[in-house]
């Protein structure tokens, strides 16, 4: 699922489990941009670093869908 940009505070749903994840940080390294995600309702150990994918229609997180576009939201 692609959006125009990934911003702090966005909620993304992990497709495999249906869990919701909050974007807490977005940063760039030399050749890639990453998002730090924290599981909604999870503990301090529930943190993931996900590489942001860029496509012609926008940017996205592989394996996640933007919750505002999900039918279950």
PDB file of N, CA and C in Angstrom:
ATOM      1  N   UNK A   1       0.850  -1.170   0.000  1.00  0.00           N
ATOM      2  CA  UNK A   1       0.000   0.000   0.000  1.00  0.00           C
ATOM      3  C   UNK A   1       0.893   1.229   0.000  1.00  0.00           C
ATOM      4  N   UNK A   2       0.722   2.092  -0.957  1.00  0.00           N
ATOM      5  CA  UNK A   2       1.556   3.278  -1.083  1.00  0.00           C
ATOM      6  C   UNK A   2       0.800   4.531  -0.641  1.00  0.00           C
ATOM      7  N   UNK A   3       1.514   5.429   0.009  1.00  0.00           N
ATOM      8  CA  UNK A   3       1.003   6.735   0.402  1.00  0.00           C
ATOM      9  C   UNK A   3       1.993   7.781  -0.095  1.00  0.00           C
ATOM     10  N   UNK A   4       1.633   9.051  -0.015  1.00  0.00           N
ATOM     11  CA  UNK A   4       2.539  10.084  -0.514  1.00  0.00           C
ATOM     12  C   UNK A   4       3.777  10.224   0.364  1.00  0.00           C
ATOM     13  N   UNK A   5       3.621  10.051   1.682  1.00  0.00           N
ATOM     14  CA  UNK A   5       4.778  10.081   2.587  1.00  0.00           C
ATOM     15  C   UNK A   5       4.424   9.364   3.882  1.00  0.00           C
ATOM     16  N   UNK A   6       5.441   8.880   4.552  1.00  0.00           N
ATOM     17  CA  UNK A   6       5.257   8.212   5.841  1.00  0.00           C
ATOM     18  C   UNK A   6       5.622   9.218   6.918  1.00  0.00           C
ATOM     19  N   UNK A   7       4.692   9.450   7.828  1.00  0.00           N
ATOM     20  CA  UNK A   7       4.845  10.472   8.852  1.00  0.00           C
ATOM     21  C   UNK A   7       4.755   9.870  10.249  1.00  0.00           C
ATOM     22  N   UNK A   8       5.319  10.579  11.233  1.00  0.00           N
ATOM     23  CA  UNK A   8       5.210  10.154  12.621  1.00  0.00           C
ATOM     24  C   UNK A   8       3.744  10.128  13.036  1.00  0.00           C
ATOM     25  N   UNK A   9       3.369   9.133  13.806  1.00  0.00           N
ATOM     26  CA  UNK A   9       2.015   9.016  14.309  1.00  0.00           C
ATOM     27  C   UNK A   9       1.073   8.239  13.424  1.00  0.00           C
ATOM     28  N   UNK A  10       1.502   7.856  12.231  1.00  0.00           N
ATOM     29  CA  UNK A  10       0.651   7.044  11.371  1.00  0.00           C
ATOM     30  C   UNK A  10       0.543   5.628  11.933  1.00  0.00           C
ATOM     31  N   UNK A  11      -0.607   5.006  11.713  1.00  0.00           N
ATOM     32  CA  UNK A  11      -0.829   3.631  12.142  1.00  0.00           C
ATOM     33  C   UNK A  11      -0.851   2.743  10.904  1.00  0.00           C
ATOM     34  N   UNK A  12      -0.039   1.688  10.927  1.00  0.00           N
ATOM     35  CA  UNK A  12       0.030   0.717   9.835  1.00  0.00           C
ATOM     36  C   UNK A  12      -0.328  -0.646  10.396  1.00  0.00           C
ATOM     37  N   UNK A  13      -1.039  -1.443   9.617  1.00  0.00           N
ATOM     38  CA  UNK A  13      -1.462  -2.775  10.051  1.00  0.00           C
ATOM     39  C   UNK A  13      -0.574  -3.828   9.396  1.00  0.00           C
ATOM     40  N   UNK A  14      -0.021  -4.727  10.226  1.00  0.00           N
ATOM     41  CA  UNK A  14       0.798  -5.827   9.737  1.00  0.00           C
ATOM     42  C   UNK A  14      -0.135  -6.858   9.126  1.00  0.00           C
ATOM     43  N   UNK A  15       0.031  -7.145   7.842  1.00  0.00           N
ATOM     44  CA  UNK A  15      -0.905  -8.000   7.120  1.00  0.00           C
ATOM     45  C   UNK A  15      -0.933  -9.436   7.633  1.00  0.00           C
ATOM     46  N   UNK A  16       0.193  -9.959   8.085  1.00  0.00           N
ATOM     47  CA  UNK A  16       0.256 -11.363   8.503  1.00  0.00           C
ATOM     48  C   UNK A  16      -0.552 -11.640   9.765  1.00  0.00           C
ATOM     49  N   UNK A  17      -0.585 -10.678  10.704  1.00  0.00           N
ATOM     50  CA  UNK A  17      -1.257 -10.917  11.986  1.00  0.00           C
ATOM     51  C   UNK A  17      -2.437  -9.988  12.248  1.00  0.00           C
ATOM     52  N   UNK A  18      -2.509  -8.875  11.526  1.00  0.00           N
ATOM     53  CA  UNK A  18      -3.566  -7.897  11.767  1.00  0.00           C
ATOM     54  C   UNK A  18      -3.256  -6.932  12.893  1.00  0.00           C
ATOM     55  N   UNK A  19      -2.052  -7.012  13.472  1.00  0.00           N
ATOM     56  CA  UNK A  19      -1.657  -6.101  14.542  1.00  0.00           C
ATOM     57  C   UNK A  19      -1.404  -4.705  13.988  1.00  0.00           C
ATOM     58  N   UNK A  20      -1.697  -3.691  14.806  1.00  0.00           N
ATOM     59  CA  UNK A  20      -1.460  -2.310  14.420  1.00  0.00           C
ATOM     60  C   UNK A  20      -0.128  -1.818  14.977  1.00  0.00           C
ATOM     61  N   UNK A  21       0.589  -1.058  14.137  1.00  0.00           N
ATOM     62  CA  UNK A  21       1.909  -0.552  14.499  1.00  0.00           C
ATOM     63  C   UNK A  21       1.959   0.957  14.273  1.00  0.00           C
ATOM     64  N   UNK A  22       2.550   1.690  15.218  1.00  0.00           N
ATOM     65  CA  UNK A  22       2.661   3.138  15.187  1.00  0.00           C
ATOM     66  C   UNK A  22       4.041   3.544  14.681  1.00  0.00           C
ATOM     67  N   UNK A  23       4.092   4.489  13.753  1.00  0.00           N
ATOM     68  CA  UNK A  23       5.375   5.014  13.264  1.00  0.00           C
ATOM     69  C   UNK A  23       5.896   6.003  14.310  1.00  0.00           C
ATOM     70  N   UNK A  24       7.049   5.700  14.901  1.00  0.00           N
ATOM     71  CA  UNK A  24       7.615   6.565  15.935  1.00  0.00           C
ATOM     72  C   UNK A  24       8.836   7.343  15.468  1.00  0.00           C
ATOM     73  N   UNK A  25       9.445   6.918  14.363  1.00  0.00           N
ATOM     74  CA  UNK A  25      10.621   7.612  13.857  1.00  0.00           C
ATOM     75  C   UNK A  25      10.803   7.259  12.393  1.00  0.00           C
ATOM     76  N   UNK A  26      11.224   8.232  11.599  1.00  0.00           N
ATOM     77  CA  UNK A  26      11.583   8.016  10.203  1.00  0.00           C
ATOM     78  C   UNK A  26      12.955   8.642  10.015  1.00  0.00           C
ATOM     79  N   UNK A  27      13.903   7.875   9.467  1.00  0.00           N
ATOM     80  CA  UNK A  27      15.247   8.412   9.268  1.00  0.00           C
ATOM     81  C   UNK A  27      15.875   7.837   8.015  1.00  0.00           C
ATOM     82  N   UNK A  28      16.857   8.558   7.504  1.00  0.00           N
ATOM     83  CA  UNK A  28      17.557   8.140   6.291  1.00  0.00           C
ATOM     84  C   UNK A  28      18.972   7.710   6.624  1.00  0.00           C
ATOM     85  N   UNK A  29      19.405   6.660   5.938  1.00  0.00           N
ATOM     86  CA  UNK A  29      20.801   6.259   5.957  1.00  0.00           C
ATOM     87  C   UNK A  29      21.340   6.568   4.572  1.00  0.00           C
ATOM     88  N   UNK A  30      22.494   6.099   4.229  1.00  0.00           N
ATOM     89  CA  UNK A  30      23.139   6.476   2.986  1.00  0.00           C
ATOM     90  C   UNK A  30      22.271   6.215   1.762  1.00  0.00           C
ATOM     91  N   UNK A  31      21.764   5.015   1.596  1.00  0.00           N
ATOM     92  CA  UNK A  31      21.009   4.667   0.396  1.00  0.00           C
ATOM     93  C   UNK A  31      19.565   4.237   0.668  1.00  0.00           C
ATOM     94  N   UNK A  32      19.091   4.375   1.886  1.00  0.00           N
ATOM     95  CA  UNK A  32      17.748   3.904   2.211  1.00  0.00           C
ATOM     96  C   UNK A  32      17.130   4.765   3.306  1.00  0.00           C
ATOM     97  N   UNK A  33      15.803   4.706   3.392  1.00  0.00           N
ATOM     98  CA  UNK A  33      15.054   5.377   4.454  1.00  0.00           C
ATOM     99  C   UNK A  33      14.321   4.295   5.245  1.00  0.00           C
ATOM    100  N   UNK A  34      14.315   4.438   6.560  1.00  0.00           N
ATOM    101  CA  UNK A  34      13.715   3.454   7.453  1.00  0.00           C
ATOM    102  C   UNK A  34      12.667   4.088   8.343  1.00  0.00           C
ATOM    103  N   UNK A  35      11.695   3.277   8.758  1.00  0.00           N
ATOM    104  CA  UNK A  35      10.692   3.678   9.733  1.00  0.00           C
ATOM    105  C   UNK A  35      10.834   2.769  10.956  1.00  0.00           C
ATOM    106  N   UNK A  36      10.778   3.373  12.123  1.00  0.00           N
ATOM    107  CA  UNK A  36      10.758   2.614  13.368  1.00  0.00           C
ATOM    108  C   UNK A  36       9.300   2.501  13.784  1.00  0.00           C
ATOM    109  N   UNK A  37       8.840   1.263  13.967  1.00  0.00           N
ATOM    110  CA  UNK A  37       7.455   0.996  14.322  1.00  0.00           C
ATOM    111  C   UNK A  37       7.378   0.393  15.718  1.00  0.00           C
ATOM    112  N   UNK A  38       6.372   0.808  16.477  1.00  0.00           N
ATOM    113  CA  UNK A  38       6.122   0.260  17.809  1.00  0.00           C
ATOM    114  C   UNK A  38       4.710  -0.309  17.812  1.00  0.00           C
ATOM    115  N   UNK A  39       4.561  -1.528  18.312  1.00  0.00           N
ATOM    116  CA  UNK A  39       3.259  -2.198  18.327  1.00  0.00           C
ATOM    117  C   UNK A  39       2.302  -1.458  19.255  1.00  0.00           C
ATOM    118  N   UNK A  40       1.108  -1.172  18.754  1.00  0.00           N
ATOM    119  CA  UNK A  40       0.079  -0.511  19.553  1.00  0.00           C
ATOM    120  C   UNK A  40      -0.375  -1.476  20.630  1.00  0.00           C
ATOM    121  N   UNK A  41      -0.266  -1.069  21.887  1.00  0.00           N
ATOM    122  CA  UNK A  41      -0.654  -1.922  22.998  1.00  0.00           C
ATOM    123  C   UNK A  41       0.425  -2.908  23.405  1.00  0.00           C
ATOM    124  N   UNK A  42       1.564  -2.855  22.752  1.00  0.00           N
ATOM    125  CA  UNK A  42       2.664  -3.778  23.055  1.00  0.00           C
ATOM    126  C   UNK A  42       3.604  -3.192  24.095  1.00  0.00           C
ATOM    127  N   UNK A  43       4.592  -3.986  24.441  1.00  0.00           N
ATOM    128  CA  UNK A  43       5.588  -3.546  25.407  1.00  0.00           C
ATOM    129  C   UNK A  43       6.758  -2.854  24.728  1.00  0.00           C
ATOM    130  N   UNK A  44       7.782  -2.565  25.514  1.00  0.00           N
ATOM    131  CA  UNK A  44       8.966  -1.896  24.981  1.00  0.00           C
ATOM    132  C   UNK A  44       9.760  -2.782  24.031  1.00  0.00           C
ATOM    133  N   UNK A  45       9.541  -4.101  24.083  1.00  0.00           N
ATOM    134  CA  UNK A  45      10.263  -5.027  23.209  1.00  0.00           C
ATOM    135  C   UNK A  45       9.644  -5.124  21.821  1.00  0.00           C
ATOM    136  N   UNK A  46       8.444  -4.581  21.642  1.00  0.00           N
ATOM    137  CA  UNK A  46       7.727  -4.683  20.366  1.00  0.00           C
ATOM    138  C   UNK A  46       8.069  -3.499  19.461  1.00  0.00           C
ATOM    139  N   UNK A  47       9.316  -3.464  18.986  1.00  0.00           N
ATOM    140  CA  UNK A  47       9.789  -2.395  18.109  1.00  0.00           C
ATOM    141  C   UNK A  47      10.407  -3.032  16.873  1.00  0.00           C
ATOM    142  N   UNK A  48      10.111  -2.461  15.708  1.00  0.00           N
ATOM    143  CA  UNK A  48      10.656  -2.977  14.452  1.00  0.00           C
ATOM    144  C   UNK A  48      11.223  -1.842  13.626  1.00  0.00           C
ATOM    145  N   UNK A  49      12.260  -2.153  12.866  1.00  0.00           N
ATOM    146  CA  UNK A  49      12.828  -1.228  11.883  1.00  0.00           C
ATOM    147  C   UNK A  49      12.487  -1.785  10.511  1.00  0.00           C
ATOM    148  N   UNK A  50      11.779  -0.989   9.702  1.00  0.00           N
ATOM    149  CA  UNK A  50      11.303  -1.445   8.398  1.00  0.00           C
ATOM    150  C   UNK A  50      11.815  -0.488   7.330  1.00  0.00           C
ATOM    151  N   UNK A  51      12.387  -1.048   6.272  1.00  0.00           N
ATOM    152  CA  UNK A  51      12.873  -0.235   5.157  1.00  0.00           C
ATOM    153  C   UNK A  51      11.692   0.271   4.347  1.00  0.00           C
ATOM    154  N   UNK A  52      11.667   1.557   4.069  1.00  0.00           N
ATOM    155  CA  UNK A  52      10.592   2.173   3.299  1.00  0.00           C
ATOM    156  C   UNK A  52      10.847   1.917   1.819  1.00  0.00           C
ATOM    157  N   UNK A  53       9.823   1.388   1.145  1.00  0.00           N
ATOM    158  CA  UNK A  53       9.928   1.133  -0.290  1.00  0.00           C
ATOM    159  C   UNK A  53       9.362   2.319  -1.061  1.00  0.00           C
ATOM    160  N   UNK A  54      10.046   2.681  -2.142  1.00  0.00           N
ATOM    161  CA  UNK A  54       9.592   3.771  -2.989  1.00  0.00           C
ATOM    162  C   UNK A  54       9.106   3.207  -4.313  1.00  0.00           C
ATOM    163  N   UNK A  55       7.952   3.659  -4.761  1.00  0.00           N
ATOM    164  CA  UNK A  55       7.376   3.243  -6.038  1.00  0.00           C
ATOM    165  C   UNK A  55       6.855   4.484  -6.753  1.00  0.00           C
ATOM    166  N   UNK A  56       6.406   4.309  -7.972  1.00  0.00           N
ATOM    167  CA  UNK A  56       5.905   5.452  -8.738  1.00  0.00           C
ATOM    168  C   UNK A  56       4.652   6.057  -8.112  1.00  0.00           C
ATOM    169  N   UNK A  57       3.826   5.257  -7.436  1.00  0.00           N
ATOM    170  CA  UNK A  57       2.602   5.770  -6.820  1.00  0.00           C
ATOM    171  C   UNK A  57       2.805   6.320  -5.417  1.00  0.00           C
ATOM    172  N   UNK A  58       4.011   6.214  -4.844  1.00  0.00           N
ATOM    173  CA  UNK A  58       4.302   6.742  -3.517  1.00  0.00           C
ATOM    174  C   UNK A  58       5.273   5.864  -2.760  1.00  0.00           C
ATOM    175  N   UNK A  59       5.165   5.889  -1.443  1.00  0.00           N
ATOM    176  CA  UNK A  59       6.037   5.091  -0.582  1.00  0.00           C
ATOM    177  C   UNK A  59       5.179   4.148   0.250  1.00  0.00           C
ATOM    178  N   UNK A  60       5.794   3.086   0.758  1.00  0.00           N
ATOM    179  CA  UNK A  60       5.067   2.118   1.566  1.00  0.00           C
ATOM    180  C   UNK A  60       5.995   1.291   2.424  1.00  0.00           C
ATOM    181  N   UNK A  61       5.394   0.498   3.282  1.00  0.00           N
ATOM    182  CA  UNK A  61       6.135  -0.422   4.147  1.00  0.00           C
ATOM    183  C   UNK A  61       5.783  -1.837   3.710  1.00  0.00           C
ATOM    184  N   UNK A  62       6.771  -2.636   3.318  1.00  0.00           N
ATOM    185  CA  UNK A  62       6.481  -3.994   2.850  1.00  0.00           C
ATOM    186  C   UNK A  62       5.840  -4.846   3.951  1.00  0.00           C
ATOM    187  N   UNK A  63       4.728  -5.483   3.625  1.00  0.00           N
ATOM    188  CA  UNK A  63       4.026  -6.327   4.586  1.00  0.00           C
ATOM    189  C   UNK A  63       3.017  -5.585   5.443  1.00  0.00           C
ATOM    190  N   UNK A  64       2.885  -4.282   5.264  1.00  0.00           N
ATOM    191  CA  UNK A  64       1.978  -3.456   6.059  1.00  0.00           C
ATOM    192  C   UNK A  64       1.019  -2.710   5.137  1.00  0.00           C
ATOM    193  N   UNK A  65      -0.177  -2.409   5.658  1.00  0.00           N
ATOM    194  CA  UNK A  65      -1.106  -1.556   4.924  1.00  0.00           C
ATOM    195  C   UNK A  65      -1.452  -0.358   5.807  1.00  0.00           C
ATOM    196  N   UNK A  66      -1.639   0.766   5.168  1.00  0.00           N
ATOM    197  CA  UNK A  66      -1.988   1.998   5.872  1.00  0.00           C
ATOM    198  C   UNK A  66      -3.413   1.853   6.381  1.00  0.00           C
ATOM    199  N   UNK A  67      -3.650   2.034   7.688  1.00  0.00           N
ATOM    200  CA  UNK A  67      -4.943   1.706   8.288  1.00  0.00           C
ATOM    201  C   UNK A  67      -6.078   2.593   7.800  1.00  0.00           C
ATOM    202  N   UNK A  68      -5.809   3.817   7.434  1.00  0.00           N
ATOM    203  CA  UNK A  68      -6.886   4.683   6.963  1.00  0.00           C
ATOM    204  C   UNK A  68      -7.445   4.180   5.639  1.00  0.00           C
ATOM    205  N   UNK A  69      -6.680   3.362   4.913  1.00  0.00           N
ATOM    206  CA  UNK A  69      -7.144   2.791   3.666  1.00  0.00           C
ATOM    207  C   UNK A  69      -7.659   1.362   3.823  1.00  0.00           C
ATOM    208  N   UNK A  70      -7.509   0.790   5.015  1.00  0.00           N
ATOM    209  CA  UNK A  70      -7.945  -0.590   5.247  1.00  0.00           C
ATOM    210  C   UNK A  70      -9.459  -0.622   5.427  1.00  0.00           C
ATOM    211  N   UNK A  71     -10.103  -1.664   4.943  1.00  0.00           N
ATOM    212  CA  UNK A  71     -11.550  -1.785   5.071  1.00  0.00           C
ATOM    213  C   UNK A  71     -11.977  -1.995   6.520  1.00  0.00           C
ATOM    214  N   UNK A  72     -11.101  -2.563   7.341  1.00  0.00           N
ATOM    215  CA  UNK A  72     -11.458  -2.858   8.728  1.00  0.00           C
ATOM    216  C   UNK A  72     -11.403  -1.634   9.621  1.00  0.00           C
ATOM    217  N   UNK A  73     -10.875  -0.526   9.136  1.00  0.00           N
ATOM    218  CA  UNK A  73     -10.700   0.662   9.977  1.00  0.00           C
ATOM    219  C   UNK A  73     -12.001   1.394  10.190  1.00  0.00           C
TER     220      UNK A  73
END
